[in-house]
Amino acid sequence: MKVDAKTKSLLDEHNRKKSVEKKEKKDTEAKEEEEGETKASDDDDDDRAGVDEMALREDVLAKVGLDALMQEFADDLCRDPPEGE
């Protein structure tokens, strides 16, 4: 992939930052594991499960609302459009 010089420098800088962040994260995880502090990872999983449950509830509510609208306007949706349109 060819990119111009400015884009290349920005891309290189982004990749450097990303690799530093990955290294810091690995170091932090290793340090926590040595100290027996893996509880933070478990908390993150619980948060994700809670968000997933809330998202599923919102999805169900949205689907019920859409189904109600479809039923309410089913006659209008089945009609042929007027000749002028």
PDB file of N, CA and C in Angstrom:
ATOM      1  N   MET A   1       0.853  -1.168   0.000  1.00  0.00           N
ATOM      2  CA  MET A   1       0.000   0.000   0.000  1.00  0.00           C
ATOM      3  C   MET A   1       0.898   1.230   0.000  1.00  0.00           C
ATOM      4  N   LYS A   2       0.640   2.142  -0.926  1.00  0.00           N
ATOM      5  CA  LYS A   2       1.421   3.367  -1.007  1.00  0.00           C
ATOM      6  C   LYS A   2       0.657   4.500  -0.348  1.00  0.00           C
ATOM      7  N   VAL A   3       1.370   5.274   0.464  1.00  0.00           N
ATOM      8  CA  VAL A   3       0.785   6.448   1.109  1.00  0.00           C
ATOM      9  C   VAL A   3       1.771   7.592   1.002  1.00  0.00           C
ATOM     10  N   ASP A   4       1.265   8.810   1.120  1.00  0.00           N
ATOM     11  CA  ASP A   4       2.165   9.952   1.050  1.00  0.00           C
ATOM     12  C   ASP A   4       2.969  10.070   2.341  1.00  0.00           C
ATOM     13  N   ALA A   5       3.954  10.947   2.335  1.00  0.00           N
ATOM     14  CA  ALA A   5       4.892  11.054   3.458  1.00  0.00           C
ATOM     15  C   ALA A   5       4.191  11.451   4.756  1.00  0.00           C
ATOM     16  N   LYS A   6       3.267  12.410   4.673  1.00  0.00           N
ATOM     17  CA  LYS A   6       2.581  12.869   5.880  1.00  0.00           C
ATOM     18  C   LYS A   6       1.754  11.736   6.488  1.00  0.00           C
ATOM     19  N   THR A   7       1.017  11.025   5.641  1.00  0.00           N
ATOM     20  CA  THR A   7       0.201   9.918   6.112  1.00  0.00           C
ATOM     21  C   THR A   7       1.076   8.821   6.690  1.00  0.00           C
ATOM     22  N   LYS A   8       2.210   8.556   6.042  1.00  0.00           N
ATOM     23  CA  LYS A   8       3.125   7.522   6.523  1.00  0.00           C
ATOM     24  C   LYS A   8       3.643   7.874   7.914  1.00  0.00           C
ATOM     25  N   SER A   9       4.016   9.137   8.116  1.00  0.00           N
ATOM     26  CA  SER A   9       4.525   9.522   9.434  1.00  0.00           C
ATOM     27  C   SER A   9       3.440   9.389  10.498  1.00  0.00           C
ATOM     28  N   LEU A  10       2.199   9.784  10.158  1.00  0.00           N
ATOM     29  CA  LEU A  10       1.093   9.633  11.109  1.00  0.00           C
ATOM     30  C   LEU A  10       0.819   8.160  11.412  1.00  0.00           C
ATOM     31  N   LEU A  11       0.873   7.335  10.376  1.00  0.00           N
ATOM     32  CA  LEU A  11       0.643   5.904  10.550  1.00  0.00           C
ATOM     33  C   LEU A  11       1.734   5.277  11.415  1.00  0.00           C
ATOM     34  N   ASP A  12       2.980   5.661  11.165  1.00  0.00           N
ATOM     35  CA  ASP A  12       4.090   5.144  11.973  1.00  0.00           C
ATOM     36  C   ASP A  12       3.941   5.555  13.437  1.00  0.00           C
ATOM     37  N   GLU A  13       3.566   6.808  13.655  1.00  0.00           N
ATOM     38  CA  GLU A  13       3.383   7.294  15.025  1.00  0.00           C
ATOM     39  C   GLU A  13       2.258   6.531  15.724  1.00  0.00           C
ATOM     40  N   HIS A  14       1.157   6.309  15.000  1.00  0.00           N
ATOM     41  CA  HIS A  14       0.034   5.549  15.563  1.00  0.00           C
ATOM     42  C   HIS A  14       0.472   4.130  15.919  1.00  0.00           C
ATOM     43  N   ASN A  15       1.208   3.490  15.038  1.00  0.00           N
ATOM     44  CA  ASN A  15       1.668   2.118  15.294  1.00  0.00           C
ATOM     45  C   ASN A  15       2.612   2.063  16.485  1.00  0.00           C
ATOM     46  N   ARG A  16       3.464   3.070  16.621  1.00  0.00           N
ATOM     47  CA  ARG A  16       4.372   3.113  17.779  1.00  0.00           C
ATOM     48  C   ARG A  16       3.576   3.232  19.071  1.00  0.00           C
ATOM     49  N   LYS A  17       2.598   4.150  19.082  1.00  0.00           N
ATOM     50  CA  LYS A  17       1.773   4.330  20.283  1.00  0.00           C
ATOM     51  C   LYS A  17       1.029   3.047  20.628  1.00  0.00           C
ATOM     52  N   LYS A  18       0.501   2.404  19.604  1.00  0.00           N
ATOM     53  CA  LYS A  18      -0.260   1.175  19.809  1.00  0.00           C
ATOM     54  C   LYS A  18       0.623   0.082  20.403  1.00  0.00           C
ATOM     55  N   SER A  19       1.842  -0.053  19.892  1.00  0.00           N
ATOM     56  CA  SER A  19       2.731  -1.089  20.412  1.00  0.00           C
ATOM     57  C   SER A  19       3.150  -0.782  21.852  1.00  0.00           C
ATOM     58  N   VAL A  20       3.353   0.495  22.164  1.00  0.00           N
ATOM     59  CA  VAL A  20       3.702   0.875  23.537  1.00  0.00           C
ATOM     60  C   VAL A  20       2.540   0.565  24.477  1.00  0.00           C
ATOM     61  N   GLU A  21       1.312   0.880  24.036  1.00  0.00           N
ATOM     62  CA  GLU A  21       0.146   0.597  24.866  1.00  0.00           C
ATOM     63  C   GLU A  21      -0.007  -0.901  25.107  1.00  0.00           C
ATOM     64  N   LYS A  22       0.219  -1.707  24.054  1.00  0.00           N
ATOM     65  CA  LYS A  22       0.127  -3.160  24.211  1.00  0.00           C
ATOM     66  C   LYS A  22       1.156  -3.660  25.215  1.00  0.00           C
ATOM     67  N   LYS A  23       2.384  -3.132  25.108  1.00  0.00           N
ATOM     68  CA  LYS A  23       3.446  -3.565  26.016  1.00  0.00           C
ATOM     69  C   LYS A  23       3.101  -3.180  27.448  1.00  0.00           C
ATOM     70  N   GLU A  24       2.615  -1.959  27.641  1.00  0.00           N
ATOM     71  CA  GLU A  24       2.242  -1.519  28.984  1.00  0.00           C
ATOM     72  C   GLU A  24       1.114  -2.372  29.545  1.00  0.00           C
ATOM     73  N   LYS A  25       0.164  -2.713  28.699  1.00  0.00           N
ATOM     74  CA  LYS A  25      -0.954  -3.538  29.145  1.00  0.00           C
ATOM     75  C   LYS A  25      -0.467  -4.924  29.556  1.00  0.00           C
ATOM     76  N   LYS A  26       0.435  -5.498  28.745  1.00  0.00           N
ATOM     77  CA  LYS A  26       0.991  -6.810  29.092  1.00  0.00           C
ATOM     78  C   LYS A  26       1.737  -6.745  30.411  1.00  0.00           C
ATOM     79  N   ASP A  27       2.554  -5.703  30.573  1.00  0.00           N
ATOM     80  CA  ASP A  27       3.315  -5.559  31.808  1.00  0.00           C
ATOM     81  C   ASP A  27       2.388  -5.427  33.010  1.00  0.00           C
ATOM     82  N   THR A  28       1.340  -4.641  32.848  1.00  0.00           N
ATOM     83  CA  THR A  28       0.389  -4.442  33.947  1.00  0.00           C
ATOM     84  C   THR A  28      -0.312  -5.746  34.292  1.00  0.00           C
ATOM     85  N   GLU A  29      -0.739  -6.483  33.265  1.00  0.00           N
ATOM     86  CA  GLU A  29      -1.421  -7.759  33.507  1.00  0.00           C
ATOM     87  C   GLU A  29      -0.490  -8.758  34.186  1.00  0.00           C
ATOM     88  N   ALA A  30       0.759  -8.787  33.749  1.00  0.00           N
ATOM     89  CA  ALA A  30       1.717  -9.706  34.351  1.00  0.00           C
ATOM     90  C   ALA A  30       1.947  -9.342  35.812  1.00  0.00           C
ATOM     91  N   LYS A  31       2.058  -8.042  36.075  1.00  0.00           N
ATOM     92  CA  LYS A  31       2.284  -7.579  37.437  1.00  0.00           C
ATOM     93  C   LYS A  31       1.087  -7.926  38.326  1.00  0.00           C
ATOM     94  N   GLU A  32      -0.133  -7.710  37.808  1.00  0.00           N
ATOM     95  CA  GLU A  32      -1.333  -8.032  38.583  1.00  0.00           C
ATOM     96  C   GLU A  32      -1.431  -9.531  38.836  1.00  0.00           C
ATOM     97  N   GLU A  33      -1.061 -10.307  37.839  1.00  0.00           N
ATOM     98  CA  GLU A  33      -1.124 -11.758  37.988  1.00  0.00           C
ATOM     99  C   GLU A  33      -0.159 -12.228  39.063  1.00  0.00           C
ATOM    100  N   GLU A  34       1.027 -11.627  39.089  1.00  0.00           N
ATOM    101  CA  GLU A  34       2.001 -11.979  40.120  1.00  0.00           C
ATOM    102  C   GLU A  34       1.476 -11.623  41.506  1.00  0.00           C
ATOM    103  N   GLU A  35       0.774 -10.498  41.592  1.00  0.00           N
ATOM    104  CA  GLU A  35       0.270 -10.040  42.880  1.00  0.00           C
ATOM    105  C   GLU A  35      -1.073 -10.674  43.233  1.00  0.00           C
ATOM    106  N   GLY A  36      -1.637 -11.429  42.308  1.00  0.00           N
ATOM    107  CA  GLY A  36      -2.910 -12.087  42.553  1.00  0.00           C
ATOM    108  C   GLY A  36      -4.097 -11.156  42.417  1.00  0.00           C
ATOM    109  N   GLU A  37      -3.948 -10.102  41.629  1.00  0.00           N
ATOM    110  CA  GLU A  37      -5.017  -9.118  41.466  1.00  0.00           C
ATOM    111  C   GLU A  37      -5.709  -9.298  40.117  1.00  0.00           C
ATOM    112  N   THR A  38      -6.226 -10.446  39.848  1.00  0.00           N
ATOM    113  CA  THR A  38      -6.921 -10.689  38.581  1.00  0.00           C
ATOM    114  C   THR A  38      -8.404 -10.386  38.702  1.00  0.00           C
ATOM    115  N   LYS A  39      -8.824  -9.837  39.827  1.00  0.00           N
ATOM    116  CA  LYS A  39     -10.222  -9.539  40.050  1.00  0.00           C
ATOM    117  C   LYS A  39     -10.754  -8.495  39.074  1.00  0.00           C
ATOM    118  N   ALA A  40      -9.915  -7.555  38.629  1.00  0.00           N
ATOM    119  CA  ALA A  40     -10.349  -6.507  37.709  1.00  0.00           C
ATOM    120  C   ALA A  40     -10.847  -7.104  36.405  1.00  0.00           C
ATOM    121  N   SER A  41     -10.215  -8.145  35.921  1.00  0.00           N
ATOM    122  CA  SER A  41     -10.655  -8.791  34.683  1.00  0.00           C
ATOM    123  C   SER A  41     -12.033  -9.402  34.858  1.00  0.00           C
ATOM    124  N   ASP A  42     -12.285  -9.994  36.008  1.00  0.00           N
ATOM    125  CA  ASP A  42     -13.585 -10.581  36.278  1.00  0.00           C
ATOM    126  C   ASP A  42     -14.666  -9.510  36.304  1.00  0.00           C
ATOM    127  N   ASP A  43     -14.362  -8.342  36.872  1.00  0.00           N
ATOM    128  CA  ASP A  43     -15.324  -7.251  36.925  1.00  0.00           C
ATOM    129  C   ASP A  43     -15.675  -6.777  35.525  1.00  0.00           C
ATOM    130  N   ASP A  44     -14.704  -6.726  34.619  1.00  0.00           N
ATOM    131  CA  ASP A  44     -14.949  -6.304  33.243  1.00  0.00           C
ATOM    132  C   ASP A  44     -15.924  -7.260  32.567  1.00  0.00           C
ATOM    133  N   ASP A  45     -15.767  -8.550  32.810  1.00  0.00           N
ATOM    134  CA  ASP A  45     -16.671  -9.536  32.217  1.00  0.00           C
ATOM    135  C   ASP A  45     -18.095  -9.333  32.724  1.00  0.00           C
ATOM    136  N   ASP A  46     -18.241  -9.035  34.019  1.00  0.00           N
ATOM    137  CA  ASP A  46     -19.563  -8.799  34.590  1.00  0.00           C
ATOM    138  C   ASP A  46     -20.203  -7.563  33.964  1.00  0.00           C
ATOM    139  N   ASP A  47     -19.421  -6.503  33.752  1.00  0.00           N
ATOM    140  CA  ASP A  47     -19.941  -5.288  33.137  1.00  0.00           C
ATOM    141  C   ASP A  47     -20.434  -5.576  31.728  1.00  0.00           C
ATOM    142  N   ARG A  48     -19.665  -6.357  30.977  1.00  0.00           N
ATOM    143  CA  ARG A  48     -20.048  -6.683  29.602  1.00  0.00           C
ATOM    144  C   ARG A  48     -21.351  -7.483  29.589  1.00  0.00           C
ATOM    145  N   ALA A  49     -21.501  -8.408  30.527  1.00  0.00           N
ATOM    146  CA  ALA A  49     -22.717  -9.217  30.590  1.00  0.00           C
ATOM    147  C   ALA A  49     -23.915  -8.336  30.901  1.00  0.00           C
ATOM    148  N   GLY A  50     -23.748  -7.369  31.789  1.00  0.00           N
ATOM    149  CA  GLY A  50     -24.824  -6.444  32.120  1.00  0.00           C
ATOM    150  C   GLY A  50     -25.216  -5.590  30.934  1.00  0.00           C
ATOM    151  N   VAL A  51     -24.240  -5.130  30.200  1.00  0.00           N
ATOM    152  CA  VAL A  51     -24.513  -4.324  29.013  1.00  0.00           C
ATOM    153  C   VAL A  51     -25.228  -5.171  27.976  1.00  0.00           C
ATOM    154  N   ASP A  52     -24.800  -6.394  27.802  1.00  0.00           N
ATOM    155  CA  ASP A  52     -25.438  -7.279  26.844  1.00  0.00           C
ATOM    156  C   ASP A  52     -26.897  -7.525  27.207  1.00  0.00           C
ATOM    157  N   GLU A  53     -27.170  -7.731  28.478  1.00  0.00           N
ATOM    158  CA  GLU A  53     -28.548  -7.950  28.916  1.00  0.00           C
ATOM    159  C   GLU A  53     -29.403  -6.722  28.639  1.00  0.00           C
ATOM    160  N   MET A  54     -28.860  -5.552  28.934  1.00  0.00           N
ATOM    161  CA  MET A  54     -29.606  -4.319  28.698  1.00  0.00           C
ATOM    162  C   MET A  54     -29.836  -4.115  27.205  1.00  0.00           C
ATOM    163  N   ALA A  55     -28.843  -4.421  26.399  1.00  0.00           N
ATOM    164  CA  ALA A  55     -28.989  -4.276  24.953  1.00  0.00           C
ATOM    165  C   ALA A  55     -30.060  -5.223  24.428  1.00  0.00           C
ATOM    166  N   LEU A  56     -30.079  -6.438  24.952  1.00  0.00           N
ATOM    167  CA  LEU A  56     -31.098  -7.401  24.528  1.00  0.00           C
ATOM    168  C   LEU A  56     -32.495  -6.931  24.917  1.00  0.00           C
ATOM    169  N   ARG A  57     -32.634  -6.380  26.111  1.00  0.00           N
ATOM    170  CA  ARG A  57     -33.937  -5.864  26.542  1.00  0.00           C
ATOM    171  C   ARG A  57     -34.396  -4.725  25.633  1.00  0.00           C
ATOM    172  N   GLU A  58     -33.469  -3.814  25.321  1.00  0.00           N
ATOM    173  CA  GLU A  58     -33.813  -2.695  24.444  1.00  0.00           C
ATOM    174  C   GLU A  58     -34.197  -3.204  23.056  1.00  0.00           C
ATOM    175  N   ASP A  59     -33.497  -4.217  22.575  1.00  0.00           N
ATOM    176  CA  ASP A  59     -33.814  -4.803  21.271  1.00  0.00           C
ATOM    177  C   ASP A  59     -35.223  -5.393  21.265  1.00  0.00           C
ATOM    178  N   VAL A  60     -35.574  -6.103  22.334  1.00  0.00           N
ATOM    179  CA  VAL A  60     -36.898  -6.715  22.423  1.00  0.00           C
ATOM    180  C   VAL A  60     -37.974  -5.626  22.448  1.00  0.00           C
ATOM    181  N   LEU A  61     -37.740  -4.573  23.231  1.00  0.00           N
ATOM    182  CA  LEU A  61     -38.709  -3.486  23.299  1.00  0.00           C
ATOM    183  C   LEU A  61     -38.873  -2.807  21.941  1.00  0.00           C
ATOM    184  N   ALA A  62     -37.775  -2.593  21.245  1.00  0.00           N
ATOM    185  CA  ALA A  62     -37.846  -1.975  19.924  1.00  0.00           C
ATOM    186  C   ALA A  62     -38.607  -2.866  18.951  1.00  0.00           C
ATOM    187  N   LYS A  63     -38.352  -4.162  19.003  1.00  0.00           N
ATOM    188  CA  LYS A  63     -39.040  -5.097  18.102  1.00  0.00           C
ATOM    189  C   LYS A  63     -40.540  -5.105  18.371  1.00  0.00           C
ATOM    190  N   VAL A  64     -40.920  -5.111  19.638  1.00  0.00           N
ATOM    191  CA  VAL A  64     -42.340  -5.100  19.984  1.00  0.00           C
ATOM    192  C   VAL A  64     -42.985  -3.820  19.457  1.00  0.00           C
ATOM    193  N   GLY A  65     -42.318  -2.700  19.615  1.00  0.00           N
ATOM    194  CA  GLY A  65     -42.848  -1.433  19.121  1.00  0.00           C
ATOM    195  C   GLY A  65     -42.999  -1.429  17.608  1.00  0.00           C
ATOM    196  N   LEU A  66     -41.993  -1.940  16.910  1.00  0.00           N
ATOM    197  CA  LEU A  66     -42.064  -2.008  15.449  1.00  0.00           C
ATOM    198  C   LEU A  66     -43.168  -2.949  14.986  1.00  0.00           C
ATOM    199  N   ASP A  67     -43.306  -4.077  15.661  1.00  0.00           N
ATOM    200  CA  ASP A  67     -44.378  -5.012  15.316  1.00  0.00           C
ATOM    201  C   ASP A  67     -45.747  -4.357  15.486  1.00  0.00           C
ATOM    202  N   ALA A  68     -45.910  -3.584  16.551  1.00  0.00           N
ATOM    203  CA  ALA A  68     -47.184  -2.900  16.783  1.00  0.00           C
ATOM    204  C   ALA A  68     -47.463  -1.892  15.674  1.00  0.00           C
ATOM    205  N   LEU A  69     -46.442  -1.149  15.265  1.00  0.00           N
ATOM    206  CA  LEU A  69     -46.614  -0.192  14.172  1.00  0.00           C
ATOM    207  C   LEU A  69     -46.953  -0.887  12.860  1.00  0.00           C
ATOM    208  N   MET A  70     -46.297  -2.000  12.601  1.00  0.00           N
ATOM    209  CA  MET A  70     -46.574  -2.753  11.365  1.00  0.00           C
ATOM    210  C   MET A  70     -48.017  -3.239  11.340  1.00  0.00           C
ATOM    211  N   GLN A  71     -48.510  -3.723  12.475  1.00  0.00           N
ATOM    212  CA  GLN A  71     -49.889  -4.189  12.539  1.00  0.00           C
ATOM    213  C   GLN A  71     -50.873  -3.028  12.385  1.00  0.00           C
ATOM    214  N   GLU A  72     -50.540  -1.902  13.016  1.00  0.00           N
ATOM    215  CA  GLU A  72     -51.429  -0.748  12.967  1.00  0.00           C
ATOM    216  C   GLU A  72     -51.565  -0.207  11.544  1.00  0.00           C
ATOM    217  N   PHE A  73     -50.476  -0.211  10.793  1.00  0.00           N
ATOM    218  CA  PHE A  73     -50.490   0.357   9.446  1.00  0.00           C
ATOM    219  C   PHE A  73     -50.427  -0.706   8.351  1.00  0.00           C
ATOM    220  N   ALA A  74     -50.811  -1.928   8.660  1.00  0.00           N
ATOM    221  CA  ALA A  74     -50.748  -3.027   7.693  1.00  0.00           C
ATOM    222  C   ALA A  74     -51.615  -2.743   6.472  1.00  0.00           C
ATOM    223  N   ASP A  75     -52.808  -2.179   6.683  1.00  0.00           N
ATOM    224  CA  ASP A  75     -53.687  -1.875   5.551  1.00  0.00           C
ATOM    225  C   ASP A  75     -53.045  -0.858   4.608  1.00  0.00           C
ATOM    226  N   ASP A  76     -52.437   0.180   5.184  1.00  0.00           N
ATOM    227  CA  ASP A  76     -51.784   1.206   4.362  1.00  0.00           C
ATOM    228  C   ASP A  76     -50.587   0.637   3.606  1.00  0.00           C
ATOM    229  N   LEU A  77     -49.881  -0.265   4.242  1.00  0.00           N
ATOM    230  CA  LEU A  77     -48.693  -0.840   3.598  1.00  0.00           C
ATOM    231  C   LEU A  77     -49.058  -1.778   2.451  1.00  0.00           C
ATOM    232  N   CYS A  78     -50.248  -2.383   2.516  1.00  0.00           N
ATOM    233  CA  CYS A  78     -50.666  -3.327   1.478  1.00  0.00           C
ATOM    234  C   CYS A  78     -51.288  -2.640   0.264  1.00  0.00           C
ATOM    235  N   ARG A  79     -51.704  -1.404   0.408  1.00  0.00           N
ATOM    236  CA  ARG A  79     -52.349  -0.680  -0.689  1.00  0.00           C
ATOM    237  C   ARG A  79     -51.353  -0.358  -1.795  1.00  0.00           C
ATOM    238  N   ASP A  80     -51.877  -0.277  -3.020  1.00  0.00           N
ATOM    239  CA  ASP A  80     -51.070   0.186  -4.142  1.00  0.00           C
ATOM    240  C   ASP A  80     -50.938   1.709  -4.050  1.00  0.00           C
ATOM    241  N   PRO A  81     -49.802   2.240  -4.474  1.00  0.00           N
ATOM    242  CA  PRO A  81     -49.643   3.704  -4.423  1.00  0.00           C
ATOM    243  C   PRO A  81     -50.579   4.371  -5.427  1.00  0.00           C
ATOM    244  N   PRO A  82     -50.982   5.599  -5.162  1.00  0.00           N
ATOM    245  CA  PRO A  82     -51.843   6.325  -6.112  1.00  0.00           C
ATOM    246  C   PRO A  82     -51.135   6.513  -7.452  1.00  0.00           C
ATOM    247  N   GLU A  83     -51.912   6.696  -8.512  1.00  0.00           N
ATOM    248  CA  GLU A  83     -51.379   6.812  -9.869  1.00  0.00           C
ATOM    249  C   GLU A  83     -50.429   7.989 -10.020  1.00  0.00           C
ATOM    250  N   GLY A  84     -50.661   9.084  -9.337  1.00  0.00           N
ATOM    251  CA  GLY A  84     -49.863  10.296  -9.490  1.00  0.00           C
ATOM    252  C   GLY A  84     -48.464  10.189  -8.899  1.00  0.00           C
ATOM    253  N   GLU A  85     -48.201   9.237  -8.054  1.00  0.00           N
ATOM    254  CA  GLU A  85     -46.902   9.179  -7.364  1.00  0.00           C
ATOM    255  C   GLU A  85     -45.998   8.171  -7.962  1.00  0.00           C
TER     256      GLU A  85
END
